[in-house]
Amino acid sequence: MQNSYVYILSNKNDNVLYIGVTSNIVKRVYEHKNKLVEGFTEKYNIEKLVYYEIFDDIELAIEREKQLKNWHKDWKRNLITSFNEEWKGLYNEISKL
């Protein structure tokens, strides 16, 4: 069974957030980092992975993505900080998954 992921990306200054869902987090974050995804993340230079969750079921991941997108920005920031206190980029960590 393939894992699914909900992830949050930020820009260099950590003031813009993007939430997404994918079945291949390494590939997807690579695409964002290298501006291969047109749209919001490209426009606002959002490329730093700061948070992720792993799911066994894509439907649960999609449900969680929708939930997080409805959260207030402060709630999202607190979630990220509880997971990644320094808001460091996590791409190298996930590339080992």
C-alpha atoms as a PDB file:
ATOM      1  CA  MET A   1       0.000   0.000   0.000  1.00  0.00           C
ATOM      2  CA  GLN A   2       1.306   3.444  -0.920  1.00  0.00           C
ATOM      3  CA  ASN A   3       1.409   6.227   1.658  1.00  0.00           C
ATOM      4  CA  SER A   4      -0.224   9.590   1.111  1.00  0.00           C
ATOM      5  CA  TYR A   5       0.942  12.876   2.561  1.00  0.00           C
ATOM      6  CA  VAL A   6      -0.464  16.213   3.601  1.00  0.00           C
ATOM      7  CA  TYR A   7       2.243  18.829   3.514  1.00  0.00           C
ATOM      8  CA  ILE A   8       2.766  22.500   4.232  1.00  0.00           C
ATOM      9  CA  LEU A   9       5.256  24.602   2.333  1.00  0.00           C
ATOM     10  CA  SER A  10       6.430  28.085   3.183  1.00  0.00           C
ATOM     11  CA  ASN A  11       8.432  30.793   1.507  1.00  0.00           C
ATOM     12  CA  LYS A  12      11.888  31.955   2.605  1.00  0.00           C
ATOM     13  CA  ASN A  13      10.460  34.454   5.113  1.00  0.00           C
ATOM     14  CA  ASP A  14       7.883  31.973   6.496  1.00  0.00           C
ATOM     15  CA  ASN A  15       5.020  34.417   5.946  1.00  0.00           C
ATOM     16  CA  VAL A  16       3.136  32.581   3.177  1.00  0.00           C
ATOM     17  CA  LEU A  17       1.844  29.022   3.562  1.00  0.00           C
ATOM     18  CA  TYR A  18       0.638  26.437   1.052  1.00  0.00           C
ATOM     19  CA  ILE A  19      -1.103  23.175   1.959  1.00  0.00           C
ATOM     20  CA  GLY A  20      -1.194  20.236  -0.419  1.00  0.00           C
ATOM     21  CA  VAL A  21      -1.729  16.494  -0.627  1.00  0.00           C
ATOM     22  CA  THR A  22       0.237  13.952  -2.640  1.00  0.00           C
ATOM     23  CA  SER A  23       1.100  10.285  -2.919  1.00  0.00           C
ATOM     24  CA  ASN A  24       4.760  11.083  -3.700  1.00  0.00           C
ATOM     25  CA  ILE A  25       6.013  13.792  -1.359  1.00  0.00           C
ATOM     26  CA  VAL A  26       9.636  13.718  -2.523  1.00  0.00           C
ATOM     27  CA  LYS A  27       8.654  14.258  -6.153  1.00  0.00           C
ATOM     28  CA  ARG A  28       6.027  16.864  -5.336  1.00  0.00           C
ATOM     29  CA  VAL A  29       8.265  18.989  -3.113  1.00  0.00           C
ATOM     30  CA  TYR A  30      11.029  18.720  -5.733  1.00  0.00           C
ATOM     31  CA  GLU A  31       8.571  20.080  -8.300  1.00  0.00           C
ATOM     32  CA  HIS A  32       7.695  23.022  -6.039  1.00  0.00           C
ATOM     33  CA  LYS A  33      11.349  23.738  -5.204  1.00  0.00           C
ATOM     34  CA  ASN A  34      12.279  23.808  -8.875  1.00  0.00           C
ATOM     35  CA  LYS A  35       9.269  25.877  -9.991  1.00  0.00           C
ATOM     36  CA  LEU A  36       7.857  23.023 -12.076  1.00  0.00           C
ATOM     37  CA  VAL A  37       4.370  23.652 -10.640  1.00  0.00           C
ATOM     38  CA  GLU A  38       2.657  26.691 -12.125  1.00  0.00           C
ATOM     39  CA  GLY A  39       0.454  28.805  -9.928  1.00  0.00           C
ATOM     40  CA  PHE A  40       0.462  29.938  -6.330  1.00  0.00           C
ATOM     41  CA  THR A  41       3.694  28.306  -5.148  1.00  0.00           C
ATOM     42  CA  GLU A  42       5.614  29.507  -8.181  1.00  0.00           C
ATOM     43  CA  LYS A  43       4.236  33.045  -7.936  1.00  0.00           C
ATOM     44  CA  TYR A  44       5.059  33.441  -4.230  1.00  0.00           C
ATOM     45  CA  ASN A  45       8.344  31.441  -4.215  1.00  0.00           C
ATOM     46  CA  ILE A  46       6.959  28.833  -1.863  1.00  0.00           C
ATOM     47  CA  GLU A  47       9.399  25.963  -1.793  1.00  0.00           C
ATOM     48  CA  LYS A  48      10.358  25.100   1.791  1.00  0.00           C
ATOM     49  CA  LEU A  49       8.724  22.003   3.288  1.00  0.00           C
ATOM     50  CA  VAL A  50       8.007  22.818   6.937  1.00  0.00           C
ATOM     51  CA  TYR A  51       5.383  20.210   7.890  1.00  0.00           C
ATOM     52  CA  TYR A  52       3.965  16.882   6.750  1.00  0.00           C
ATOM     53  CA  GLU A  53       1.713  14.064   7.897  1.00  0.00           C
ATOM     54  CA  ILE A  54       1.697  10.493   6.590  1.00  0.00           C
ATOM     55  CA  PHE A  55      -1.515   8.565   5.858  1.00  0.00           C
ATOM     56  CA  ASP A  56      -2.255   5.011   4.742  1.00  0.00           C
ATOM     57  CA  ASP A  57      -5.408   6.156   2.943  1.00  0.00           C
ATOM     58  CA  ILE A  58      -5.552   8.948   0.355  1.00  0.00           C
ATOM     59  CA  GLU A  59      -9.139   9.767   1.339  1.00  0.00           C
ATOM     60  CA  LEU A  60      -8.036  10.488   4.910  1.00  0.00           C
ATOM     61  CA  ALA A  61      -5.190  12.641   3.611  1.00  0.00           C
ATOM     62  CA  ILE A  62      -7.589  14.647   1.443  1.00  0.00           C
ATOM     63  CA  GLU A  63      -9.945  15.083   4.386  1.00  0.00           C
ATOM     64  CA  ARG A  64      -7.080  16.346   6.562  1.00  0.00           C
ATOM     65  CA  GLU A  65      -5.911  18.722   3.818  1.00  0.00           C
ATOM     66  CA  LYS A  66      -9.379  20.264   3.651  1.00  0.00           C
ATOM     67  CA  GLN A  67      -9.477  20.574   7.441  1.00  0.00           C
ATOM     68  CA  LEU A  68      -6.105  22.347   7.584  1.00  0.00           C
ATOM     69  CA  LYS A  69      -7.022  24.708   4.760  1.00  0.00           C
ATOM     70  CA  ASN A  70      -9.959  25.905   6.868  1.00  0.00           C
ATOM     71  CA  TRP A  71      -7.812  26.619   9.915  1.00  0.00           C
ATOM     72  CA  HIS A  72      -6.799  30.146  10.919  1.00  0.00           C
ATOM     73  CA  LYS A  73      -3.237  31.060  10.024  1.00  0.00           C
ATOM     74  CA  ASP A  74      -2.219  31.153  13.706  1.00  0.00           C
ATOM     75  CA  TRP A  75      -3.444  27.576  14.185  1.00  0.00           C
ATOM     76  CA  LYS A  76      -1.424  26.460  11.160  1.00  0.00           C
ATOM     77  CA  ARG A  77       1.663  28.267  12.438  1.00  0.00           C
ATOM     78  CA  ASN A  78       1.287  26.628  15.874  1.00  0.00           C
ATOM     79  CA  LEU A  79       0.924  23.196  14.247  1.00  0.00           C
ATOM     80  CA  ILE A  80       4.098  23.737  12.231  1.00  0.00           C
ATOM     81  CA  THR A  81       6.020  24.995  15.267  1.00  0.00           C
ATOM     82  CA  SER A  82       4.955  21.971  17.348  1.00  0.00           C
ATOM     83  CA  PHE A  83       6.320  19.702  14.601  1.00  0.00           C
ATOM     84  CA  ASN A  84       9.280  21.761  13.420  1.00  0.00           C
ATOM     85  CA  GLU A  85      10.178  24.340  16.054  1.00  0.00           C
ATOM     86  CA  GLU A  86      12.849  26.073  13.959  1.00  0.00           C
ATOM     87  CA  TRP A  87      10.837  25.999  10.726  1.00  0.00           C
ATOM     88  CA  LYS A  88      13.763  24.362   8.971  1.00  0.00           C
ATOM     89  CA  GLY A  89      13.380  22.912   5.504  1.00  0.00           C
ATOM     90  CA  LEU A  90      12.538  19.225   5.722  1.00  0.00           C
ATOM     91  CA  TYR A  91      13.192  18.167   2.124  1.00  0.00           C
ATOM     92  CA  ASN A  92      16.404  16.287   2.978  1.00  0.00           C
ATOM     93  CA  GLU A  93      14.558  14.449   5.748  1.00  0.00           C
ATOM     94  CA  ILE A  94      11.696  13.315   3.534  1.00  0.00           C
ATOM     95  CA  SER A  95      13.985  12.336   0.678  1.00  0.00           C
ATOM     96  CA  LYS A  96      15.006   9.418   2.941  1.00  0.00           C
ATOM     97  CA  LEU A  97      11.416   8.148   3.375  1.00  0.00           C
END
